[in-house]
Amino acid sequence: MTPDTHRSRINGILIVDPDHPGTRGNYVMLETPPGEWSVQIQRVEHESRIHLDIETDDIPAEVARLEKLGATVDRRLERWVVMRAPSGQRFCVVRVQRAGFEKDANSWN
């Protein structure tokens, strides 16, 4: 990889339910095979929907790449960034979460 290269891949699908009681704060983890996408139920304050998490080894670079594709930053948090697709759908850019990232992630310049 060159110094300007970063990697990313879809980490998981979050099924958003504002009325779900949650088992760990605002999240309920569903069991999935090792190395596969994570599936979580998350309690939120906004309308119910599904969103994706994108894991990356360089959050600022991935956010910049996605902004060039038309996404916008909704909120910058300590460990992740909430973004919106041009359609208005929220998604998050997070640090690497799952095993196999080095092998399976897409490389971007």
Protein backbone atom coordinates (compact mmCIF):
# COMPACT_ATOMS: atom_id res chain seq x y z
CA MET A 1 0.00 0.00 0.00
CA THR A 2 1.13 3.53 -0.73
CA PRO A 3 1.02 6.20 1.99
CA ASP A 4 -2.16 7.66 0.43
CA THR A 5 -3.98 4.32 0.43
CA HIS A 6 -6.52 3.27 3.00
CA ARG A 7 -8.86 0.28 3.22
CA SER A 8 -12.52 -0.22 4.10
CA ARG A 9 -15.30 -2.79 3.97
CA ILE A 10 -18.83 -3.19 5.25
CA ASN A 11 -18.68 -4.29 8.86
CA GLY A 12 -22.30 -4.98 9.65
CA ILE A 13 -25.97 -4.23 9.41
CA LEU A 14 -27.77 -2.49 12.26
CA ILE A 15 -31.51 -2.98 12.54
CA VAL A 16 -32.68 0.19 14.23
CA ASP A 17 -35.61 -0.05 16.63
CA PRO A 18 -36.35 2.90 18.93
CA ASP A 19 -38.57 0.73 21.18
CA HIS A 20 -36.25 -2.28 21.66
CA PRO A 21 -35.10 -2.61 25.30
CA GLY A 22 -31.46 -3.39 24.37
CA THR A 23 -29.10 -5.71 26.22
CA ARG A 24 -25.90 -3.60 26.26
CA GLY A 25 -26.75 0.05 26.43
CA ASN A 26 -28.44 0.82 23.12
CA TYR A 27 -27.25 -2.34 21.31
CA VAL A 28 -28.31 -5.99 21.07
CA MET A 29 -25.80 -8.22 19.28
CA LEU A 30 -27.15 -11.13 17.25
CA GLU A 31 -24.94 -14.20 16.91
CA THR A 32 -23.20 -14.58 13.53
CA PRO A 33 -20.37 -16.90 12.41
CA PRO A 34 -16.80 -15.70 13.17
CA GLY A 35 -15.48 -13.32 10.52
CA GLU A 36 -18.95 -12.62 9.08
CA TRP A 37 -20.86 -9.34 9.18
CA SER A 38 -22.10 -8.32 12.57
CA VAL A 39 -25.85 -7.84 13.00
CA GLN A 40 -27.03 -5.57 15.80
CA ILE A 41 -30.29 -4.05 16.99
CA GLN A 42 -29.79 -0.46 18.13
CA ARG A 43 -32.10 1.88 20.05
CA VAL A 44 -32.08 5.39 18.54
CA GLU A 45 -33.92 8.69 18.90
CA HIS A 46 -34.76 9.05 15.18
CA GLU A 47 -37.20 7.11 13.00
CA SER A 48 -36.65 3.36 12.74
CA ARG A 49 -34.58 2.13 9.78
CA ILE A 50 -31.63 -0.08 8.82
CA HIS A 51 -28.12 1.29 8.38
CA LEU A 52 -24.67 -0.04 7.58
CA ASP A 53 -21.38 0.32 9.39
CA ILE A 54 -18.26 0.67 7.22
CA GLU A 55 -15.04 -0.29 8.98
CA THR A 56 -11.76 1.30 7.94
CA ASP A 57 -8.13 1.62 8.92
CA ASP A 58 -8.29 5.41 8.31
CA ILE A 59 -11.57 7.08 9.34
CA PRO A 60 -10.71 10.60 8.03
CA ALA A 61 -9.63 9.23 4.63
CA GLU A 62 -12.76 7.06 4.30
CA VAL A 63 -15.02 9.98 5.28
CA ALA A 64 -13.31 12.16 2.65
CA ARG A 65 -13.75 9.44 0.00
CA LEU A 66 -17.43 9.09 0.82
CA GLU A 67 -17.95 12.87 0.80
CA LYS A 68 -16.56 12.94 -2.76
CA LEU A 69 -19.27 10.39 -3.64
CA GLY A 70 -21.99 12.70 -2.26
CA ALA A 71 -22.32 11.63 1.39
CA THR A 72 -22.33 14.25 4.14
CA VAL A 73 -21.17 14.19 7.75
CA ASP A 74 -24.05 14.14 10.22
CA ARG A 75 -22.00 13.89 13.46
CA ARG A 76 -18.36 13.31 14.41
CA LEU A 77 -18.08 11.26 17.57
CA GLU A 78 -15.00 10.17 19.51
CA ARG A 79 -14.58 6.78 17.78
CA TRP A 80 -16.79 6.96 14.66
CA VAL A 81 -18.48 9.31 12.21
CA VAL A 82 -22.19 9.25 11.40
CA MET A 83 -22.80 10.10 7.74
CA ARG A 84 -25.77 10.44 5.41
CA ALA A 85 -26.02 9.09 1.90
CA PRO A 86 -27.47 11.45 -0.74
CA SER A 87 -30.78 9.61 -0.14
CA GLY A 88 -30.72 10.70 3.53
CA GLN A 89 -29.97 7.21 4.86
CA ARG A 90 -27.60 7.27 7.85
CA PHE A 91 -24.54 5.04 8.08
CA CYS A 92 -21.41 4.99 10.25
CA VAL A 93 -17.70 4.90 9.50
CA VAL A 94 -15.98 2.98 12.31
CA ARG A 95 -12.51 1.68 13.14
CA VAL A 96 -11.67 -1.93 12.19
CA GLN A 97 -14.00 -4.31 14.03
CA ARG A 98 -13.72 -7.82 12.57
CA ALA A 99 -10.95 -10.33 11.89
CA GLY A 100 -9.77 -10.74 8.31
CA PHE A 101 -9.74 -7.02 7.52
CA GLU A 102 -6.22 -7.07 6.04
CA LYS A 103 -7.24 -9.82 3.60
CA ASP A 104 -10.80 -8.80 2.69
CA ALA A 105 -10.96 -4.99 2.71
CA ASN A 106 -11.06 -2.84 -0.43
CA SER A 107 -8.04 -0.55 -1.03
CA TRP A 108 -8.62 3.10 -2.01
CA ASN A 109 -6.27 5.87 -3.12
